Every structure is written in structure tokens, then in C-alpha cells.
Amino acid sequence: QVQLVESGGGLVQPGGSLRLSCAPSGHFFRIAAMGWYRQAPGKQRELVAVVRNSGHPVYGDSVKGRFTISRINARSTVYLQMNSLKPEDTAVYYCNLRPLGGAEDLWGQGTQVTVSP
């Protein structure tokens, strides 16, 4: 079973930036999409950004204009550039990989992003 490896989380001041990365531990094909979700304490998990094989990104409303997702298809690697961070962005961010063919999604272990003065 392939494992998703995440990195880039941490503590940042409001208005700052972070860059998250996620990649499978080994070669993985038959990928429909990869992206990021987040969950803050006491809140539901929400979409942050996903990118499909075509390269077309979809963003959650709360991050549009501030976050940018990109993907290197040859490595099945996704990046999330987070700018103009707000305290409301504080959450655990989970990498997601959606396989082609209807198989169960793969999830990373999560990386903590904390935005605080």
C-alpha cells in the first residue's frame, strides 16, 4: 500500500506564507486527483484545493485568491502555496489522493498549520 508523505506545516504569523508538499512514498498510477483538505478543532473537514489530471484546480471558497495548488504529474506530487494566512486558516491539513476506478481515497497523516501572532 502506498503512503502519502506530507511536509511544510508549522507556525506562522498572520499575513505570512507556508508551502505544503505531498507525494506518494513510491510510484503510483491511476490517479484521478490529488489535493488538500483541512479540519479545525470543532469544525467539519473542508476542501482546500484539488487538482485533477487535466491540471484544472478547484479551490474552497475560503481560500480563493490566497492559496495556489500545483502538481508535478511525473512524481504525483502536489504543492499548496498558502499566502496571506489568517488565524482562521489554523487547522490540520490532510493530503488526499483519489485513485481512478472508484477505489478508496488515500490520506496523509496530516500536518498542523497554526496562524497566530
N, C-alpha and C. Protein backbone atom coordinates (compact mmCIF):
# COMPACT_ATOMS: atom_id res chain seq x y z
N GLN A 1 0.85 -1.20 0.00
CA GLN A 1 0.00 0.00 0.00
C GLN A 1 0.88 1.24 0.00
N VAL A 2 0.61 2.15 -0.89
CA VAL A 2 1.38 3.38 -0.98
C VAL A 2 1.02 4.29 0.18
N GLN A 3 1.98 5.10 0.60
CA GLN A 3 1.80 6.04 1.70
C GLN A 3 2.03 7.46 1.19
N LEU A 4 1.20 8.39 1.65
CA LEU A 4 1.37 9.79 1.31
C LEU A 4 2.25 10.46 2.36
N VAL A 5 3.25 11.18 1.88
CA VAL A 5 4.20 11.86 2.75
C VAL A 5 3.98 13.36 2.62
N GLU A 6 3.67 14.01 3.74
CA GLU A 6 3.38 15.43 3.78
C GLU A 6 4.49 16.17 4.51
N SER A 7 4.66 17.44 4.14
CA SER A 7 5.61 18.30 4.83
C SER A 7 5.23 19.75 4.61
N GLY A 8 5.80 20.63 5.43
CA GLY A 8 5.66 22.06 5.24
C GLY A 8 4.81 22.79 6.26
N GLY A 9 4.13 22.07 7.13
CA GLY A 9 3.33 22.73 8.14
C GLY A 9 4.20 23.41 9.19
N GLY A 10 3.55 24.26 9.98
CA GLY A 10 4.27 24.95 11.03
C GLY A 10 3.51 26.12 11.57
N LEU A 11 4.21 26.95 12.33
CA LEU A 11 3.65 28.14 12.94
C LEU A 11 4.05 29.36 12.13
N VAL A 12 3.08 30.21 11.84
CA VAL A 12 3.34 31.40 11.05
C VAL A 12 2.47 32.54 11.56
N GLN A 13 2.96 33.76 11.42
CA GLN A 13 2.19 34.93 11.82
C GLN A 13 1.14 35.28 10.78
N PRO A 14 0.06 35.96 11.20
CA PRO A 14 -0.92 36.40 10.21
C PRO A 14 -0.27 37.21 9.10
N GLY A 15 -0.71 36.96 7.89
CA GLY A 15 -0.13 37.59 6.72
C GLY A 15 1.05 36.86 6.13
N GLY A 16 1.54 35.86 6.83
CA GLY A 16 2.68 35.11 6.36
C GLY A 16 2.30 34.03 5.36
N SER A 17 3.30 33.24 5.00
CA SER A 17 3.13 32.21 3.98
C SER A 17 3.73 30.90 4.42
N LEU A 18 3.16 29.82 3.91
CA LEU A 18 3.70 28.48 4.05
C LEU A 18 3.49 27.74 2.75
N ARG A 19 4.33 26.74 2.53
CA ARG A 19 4.21 25.90 1.36
C ARG A 19 4.18 24.44 1.80
N LEU A 20 3.09 23.77 1.52
CA LEU A 20 2.93 22.36 1.84
C LEU A 20 3.26 21.50 0.62
N SER A 21 3.77 20.33 0.87
CA SER A 21 4.04 19.38 -0.20
C SER A 21 3.54 18.01 0.20
N CYS A 22 3.21 17.22 -0.80
CA CYS A 22 2.71 15.87 -0.57
C CYS A 22 3.08 15.01 -1.77
N ALA A 23 3.57 13.81 -1.49
CA ALA A 23 3.92 12.88 -2.55
C ALA A 23 3.78 11.45 -2.06
N PRO A 24 3.39 10.54 -2.93
CA PRO A 24 3.39 9.13 -2.55
C PRO A 24 4.79 8.65 -2.25
N SER A 25 4.88 7.67 -1.35
CA SER A 25 6.17 7.12 -0.98
C SER A 25 6.80 6.31 -2.10
N GLY A 26 6.02 5.88 -3.04
CA GLY A 26 6.50 5.16 -4.20
C GLY A 26 5.72 5.56 -5.44
N HIS A 27 6.08 4.96 -6.55
CA HIS A 27 5.37 5.26 -7.79
C HIS A 27 3.91 4.83 -7.67
N PHE A 28 3.04 5.70 -8.11
CA PHE A 28 1.62 5.44 -8.05
C PHE A 28 0.98 5.94 -9.33
N PHE A 29 0.21 5.09 -9.95
CA PHE A 29 -0.51 5.50 -11.15
C PHE A 29 -2.00 5.28 -10.95
N ARG A 30 -2.74 5.58 -11.98
CA ARG A 30 -4.19 5.53 -11.94
C ARG A 30 -4.74 6.55 -10.93
N ILE A 31 -4.22 7.74 -10.99
CA ILE A 31 -4.63 8.82 -10.11
C ILE A 31 -5.67 9.68 -10.82
N ALA A 32 -6.78 9.93 -10.15
CA ALA A 32 -7.80 10.82 -10.67
C ALA A 32 -7.56 12.27 -10.24
N ALA A 33 -7.13 12.46 -9.00
CA ALA A 33 -6.91 13.80 -8.49
C ALA A 33 -6.09 13.73 -7.21
N MET A 34 -5.45 14.83 -6.89
CA MET A 34 -4.77 14.99 -5.62
C MET A 34 -5.09 16.37 -5.07
N GLY A 35 -5.04 16.49 -3.76
CA GLY A 35 -5.35 17.78 -3.19
C GLY A 35 -5.19 17.82 -1.68
N TRP A 36 -5.79 18.86 -1.11
CA TRP A 36 -5.67 19.13 0.31
C TRP A 36 -7.03 19.43 0.92
N TYR A 37 -7.25 18.88 2.10
CA TYR A 37 -8.39 19.20 2.94
C TYR A 37 -7.87 19.63 4.30
N ARG A 38 -8.72 20.30 5.06
CA ARG A 38 -8.30 20.72 6.39
C ARG A 38 -9.44 20.57 7.38
N GLN A 39 -9.06 20.45 8.63
CA GLN A 39 -10.03 20.34 9.70
C GLN A 39 -9.53 21.10 10.92
N ALA A 40 -10.30 22.08 11.33
CA ALA A 40 -10.01 22.86 12.52
C ALA A 40 -10.74 22.25 13.71
N PRO A 41 -10.26 22.51 14.93
CA PRO A 41 -10.93 21.96 16.11
C PRO A 41 -12.39 22.37 16.17
N GLY A 42 -13.26 21.40 16.37
CA GLY A 42 -14.68 21.66 16.47
C GLY A 42 -15.39 21.95 15.17
N LYS A 43 -14.69 21.81 14.06
CA LYS A 43 -15.28 22.10 12.76
C LYS A 43 -15.21 20.88 11.85
N GLN A 44 -16.00 20.92 10.80
CA GLN A 44 -16.02 19.84 9.82
C GLN A 44 -14.82 19.95 8.88
N ARG A 45 -14.41 18.80 8.36
CA ARG A 45 -13.38 18.80 7.35
C ARG A 45 -13.88 19.50 6.10
N GLU A 46 -13.03 20.31 5.50
CA GLU A 46 -13.43 21.07 4.33
C GLU A 46 -12.38 21.00 3.23
N LEU A 47 -12.85 21.16 2.02
CA LEU A 47 -11.97 21.21 0.87
C LEU A 47 -11.12 22.48 0.91
N VAL A 48 -9.84 22.32 0.68
CA VAL A 48 -8.94 23.45 0.48
C VAL A 48 -8.69 23.65 -1.01
N ALA A 49 -8.15 22.62 -1.64
CA ALA A 49 -7.85 22.69 -3.07
C ALA A 49 -7.61 21.30 -3.59
N VAL A 50 -8.03 21.05 -4.82
CA VAL A 50 -7.73 19.80 -5.52
C VAL A 50 -7.34 20.12 -6.94
N VAL A 51 -6.54 19.25 -7.52
CA VAL A 51 -6.15 19.40 -8.91
C VAL A 51 -6.31 18.04 -9.59
N ARG A 52 -6.96 18.02 -10.73
CA ARG A 52 -7.21 16.80 -11.48
C ARG A 52 -6.08 16.53 -12.47
N ASN A 53 -6.19 15.41 -13.17
CA ASN A 53 -5.16 15.05 -14.13
C ASN A 53 -5.00 16.09 -15.22
N SER A 54 -6.07 16.77 -15.54
CA SER A 54 -6.02 17.81 -16.56
C SER A 54 -5.23 19.03 -16.11
N GLY A 55 -4.99 19.14 -14.81
CA GLY A 55 -4.33 20.30 -14.25
C GLY A 55 -5.27 21.37 -13.77
N HIS A 56 -6.55 21.18 -13.96
CA HIS A 56 -7.54 22.18 -13.56
C HIS A 56 -7.72 22.15 -12.04
N PRO A 57 -7.51 23.29 -11.37
CA PRO A 57 -7.65 23.33 -9.92
C PRO A 57 -9.04 23.75 -9.48
N VAL A 58 -9.44 23.27 -8.32
CA VAL A 58 -10.67 23.69 -7.67
C VAL A 58 -10.32 24.09 -6.24
N TYR A 59 -10.81 25.25 -5.82
CA TYR A 59 -10.49 25.79 -4.50
C TYR A 59 -11.73 25.95 -3.65
N GLY A 60 -11.55 25.76 -2.35
CA GLY A 60 -12.60 26.12 -1.44
C GLY A 60 -12.78 27.63 -1.40
N ASP A 61 -14.01 28.05 -1.13
CA ASP A 61 -14.32 29.48 -1.18
C ASP A 61 -13.46 30.29 -0.22
N SER A 62 -13.15 29.74 0.93
CA SER A 62 -12.44 30.49 1.95
C SER A 62 -10.98 30.75 1.61
N VAL A 63 -10.43 30.07 0.61
CA VAL A 63 -9.01 30.23 0.29
C VAL A 63 -8.78 30.78 -1.10
N LYS A 64 -9.81 31.00 -1.87
CA LYS A 64 -9.66 31.52 -3.22
C LYS A 64 -8.94 32.86 -3.20
N GLY A 65 -7.97 32.99 -4.08
CA GLY A 65 -7.20 34.21 -4.17
C GLY A 65 -6.01 34.26 -3.26
N ARG A 66 -5.90 33.34 -2.32
CA ARG A 66 -4.79 33.31 -1.38
C ARG A 66 -3.93 32.06 -1.51
N PHE A 67 -4.54 30.94 -1.82
CA PHE A 67 -3.83 29.67 -1.92
C PHE A 67 -3.72 29.26 -3.38
N THR A 68 -2.64 28.56 -3.70
CA THR A 68 -2.43 28.04 -5.04
C THR A 68 -1.95 26.61 -4.96
N ILE A 69 -2.62 25.72 -5.68
CA ILE A 69 -2.21 24.32 -5.72
C ILE A 69 -1.53 24.05 -7.06
N SER A 70 -0.50 23.23 -7.03
CA SER A 70 0.18 22.82 -8.24
C SER A 70 0.56 21.35 -8.12
N ARG A 71 0.78 20.73 -9.26
CA ARG A 71 1.06 19.30 -9.27
C ARG A 71 2.13 18.98 -10.30
N ILE A 72 3.06 18.13 -9.90
CA ILE A 72 4.05 17.57 -10.81
C ILE A 72 3.60 16.16 -11.11
N ASN A 73 3.03 15.96 -12.28
CA ASN A 73 2.40 14.68 -12.59
C ASN A 73 3.39 13.52 -12.60
N ALA A 74 4.60 13.76 -13.08
CA ALA A 74 5.58 12.69 -13.19
C ALA A 74 5.93 12.10 -11.83
N ARG A 75 5.80 12.88 -10.79
CA ARG A 75 6.11 12.43 -9.43
C ARG A 75 4.87 12.27 -8.57
N SER A 76 3.70 12.55 -9.14
CA SER A 76 2.44 12.54 -8.38
C SER A 76 2.56 13.39 -7.12
N THR A 77 3.21 14.53 -7.26
CA THR A 77 3.48 15.43 -6.15
C THR A 77 2.60 16.67 -6.26
N VAL A 78 2.04 17.08 -5.14
CA VAL A 78 1.24 18.30 -5.11
C VAL A 78 1.82 19.26 -4.09
N TYR A 79 1.72 20.54 -4.41
CA TYR A 79 2.15 21.61 -3.54
C TYR A 79 0.98 22.54 -3.27
N LEU A 80 0.97 23.10 -2.09
CA LEU A 80 -0.02 24.10 -1.74
C LEU A 80 0.71 25.32 -1.21
N GLN A 81 0.72 26.38 -2.01
CA GLN A 81 1.30 27.64 -1.60
C GLN A 81 0.22 28.45 -0.90
N MET A 82 0.45 28.78 0.35
CA MET A 82 -0.52 29.49 1.17
C MET A 82 0.03 30.86 1.50
N ASN A 83 -0.62 31.89 1.00
CA ASN A 83 -0.23 33.27 1.24
C ASN A 83 -1.31 34.00 2.01
N SER A 84 -0.94 35.13 2.57
CA SER A 84 -1.88 35.98 3.32
C SER A 84 -2.65 35.16 4.35
N LEU A 85 -1.93 34.37 5.10
CA LEU A 85 -2.56 33.46 6.05
C LEU A 85 -3.28 34.22 7.16
N LYS A 86 -4.40 33.67 7.57
CA LYS A 86 -5.24 34.23 8.61
C LYS A 86 -5.35 33.25 9.76
N PRO A 87 -5.68 33.74 10.96
CA PRO A 87 -5.90 32.82 12.07
C PRO A 87 -6.96 31.76 11.76
N GLU A 88 -7.94 32.10 10.94
CA GLU A 88 -8.97 31.14 10.57
C GLU A 88 -8.45 29.99 9.72
N ASP A 89 -7.25 30.11 9.19
CA ASP A 89 -6.64 29.03 8.43
C ASP A 89 -6.01 27.97 9.32
N THR A 90 -5.96 28.23 10.62
CA THR A 90 -5.38 27.26 11.54
C THR A 90 -6.17 25.96 11.51
N ALA A 91 -5.48 24.87 11.23
CA ALA A 91 -6.12 23.57 11.08
C ALA A 91 -5.06 22.52 10.84
N VAL A 92 -5.49 21.28 10.88
CA VAL A 92 -4.67 20.18 10.39
C VAL A 92 -4.99 20.01 8.92
N TYR A 93 -3.96 20.03 8.10
CA TYR A 93 -4.12 19.91 6.66
C TYR A 93 -3.76 18.49 6.23
N TYR A 94 -4.67 17.87 5.49
CA TYR A 94 -4.52 16.48 5.07
C TYR A 94 -4.38 16.40 3.56
N CYS A 95 -3.35 15.73 3.13
CA CYS A 95 -3.19 15.44 1.71
C CYS A 95 -4.14 14.31 1.32
N ASN A 96 -4.65 14.41 0.12
CA ASN A 96 -5.60 13.43 -0.39
C ASN A 96 -5.23 13.00 -1.80
N LEU A 97 -5.34 11.71 -2.05
CA LEU A 97 -5.13 11.16 -3.38
C LEU A 97 -6.36 10.33 -3.74
N ARG A 98 -6.97 10.67 -4.86
CA ARG A 98 -8.14 9.94 -5.31
C ARG A 98 -7.77 9.06 -6.50
N PRO A 99 -7.81 7.74 -6.33
CA PRO A 99 -7.45 6.86 -7.44
C PRO A 99 -8.53 6.81 -8.50
N LEU A 100 -8.11 6.52 -9.72
CA LEU A 100 -9.07 6.20 -10.77
C LEU A 100 -9.74 4.88 -10.47
N GLY A 101 -10.94 4.72 -10.95
CA GLY A 101 -11.63 3.45 -10.84
C GLY A 101 -12.47 3.26 -9.60
N GLY A 102 -12.61 4.28 -8.78
CA GLY A 102 -13.52 4.20 -7.65
C GLY A 102 -12.96 3.59 -6.39
N ALA A 103 -11.66 3.36 -6.33
CA ALA A 103 -11.04 2.85 -5.11
C ALA A 103 -11.10 3.90 -4.00
N GLU A 104 -10.89 3.45 -2.78
CA GLU A 104 -10.93 4.34 -1.63
C GLU A 104 -9.81 5.37 -1.68
N ASP A 105 -10.11 6.59 -1.27
CA ASP A 105 -9.11 7.65 -1.22
C ASP A 105 -7.98 7.30 -0.26
N LEU A 106 -6.80 7.80 -0.58
CA LEU A 106 -5.65 7.73 0.31
C LEU A 106 -5.48 9.07 1.01
N TRP A 107 -5.11 9.01 2.28
CA TRP A 107 -4.95 10.21 3.09
C TRP A 107 -3.60 10.22 3.78
N GLY A 108 -3.00 11.40 3.84
CA GLY A 108 -1.82 11.57 4.65
C GLY A 108 -2.18 11.65 6.12
N GLN A 109 -1.17 11.67 6.96
CA GLN A 109 -1.38 11.72 8.40
C GLN A 109 -1.77 13.11 8.90
N GLY A 110 -1.58 14.11 8.09
CA GLY A 110 -1.92 15.47 8.45
C GLY A 110 -0.71 16.26 8.93
N THR A 111 -0.71 17.53 8.60
CA THR A 111 0.33 18.44 9.05
C THR A 111 -0.34 19.68 9.64
N GLN A 112 0.12 20.08 10.81
CA GLN A 112 -0.50 21.19 11.54
C GLN A 112 -0.04 22.52 10.97
N VAL A 113 -1.00 23.38 10.69
CA VAL A 113 -0.74 24.76 10.31
C VAL A 113 -1.38 25.65 11.37
N THR A 114 -0.57 26.47 12.01
CA THR A 114 -1.05 27.38 13.04
C THR A 114 -0.69 28.80 12.67
N VAL A 115 -1.70 29.66 12.59
CA VAL A 115 -1.52 31.07 12.26
C VAL A 115 -1.86 31.87 13.50
N SER A 116 -0.87 32.49 14.09
CA SER A 116 -1.04 33.17 15.36
C SER A 116 0.01 34.26 15.51
N PRO A 117 -0.36 35.38 16.17
CA PRO A 117 0.64 36.42 16.45
C PRO A 117 1.75 35.93 17.34
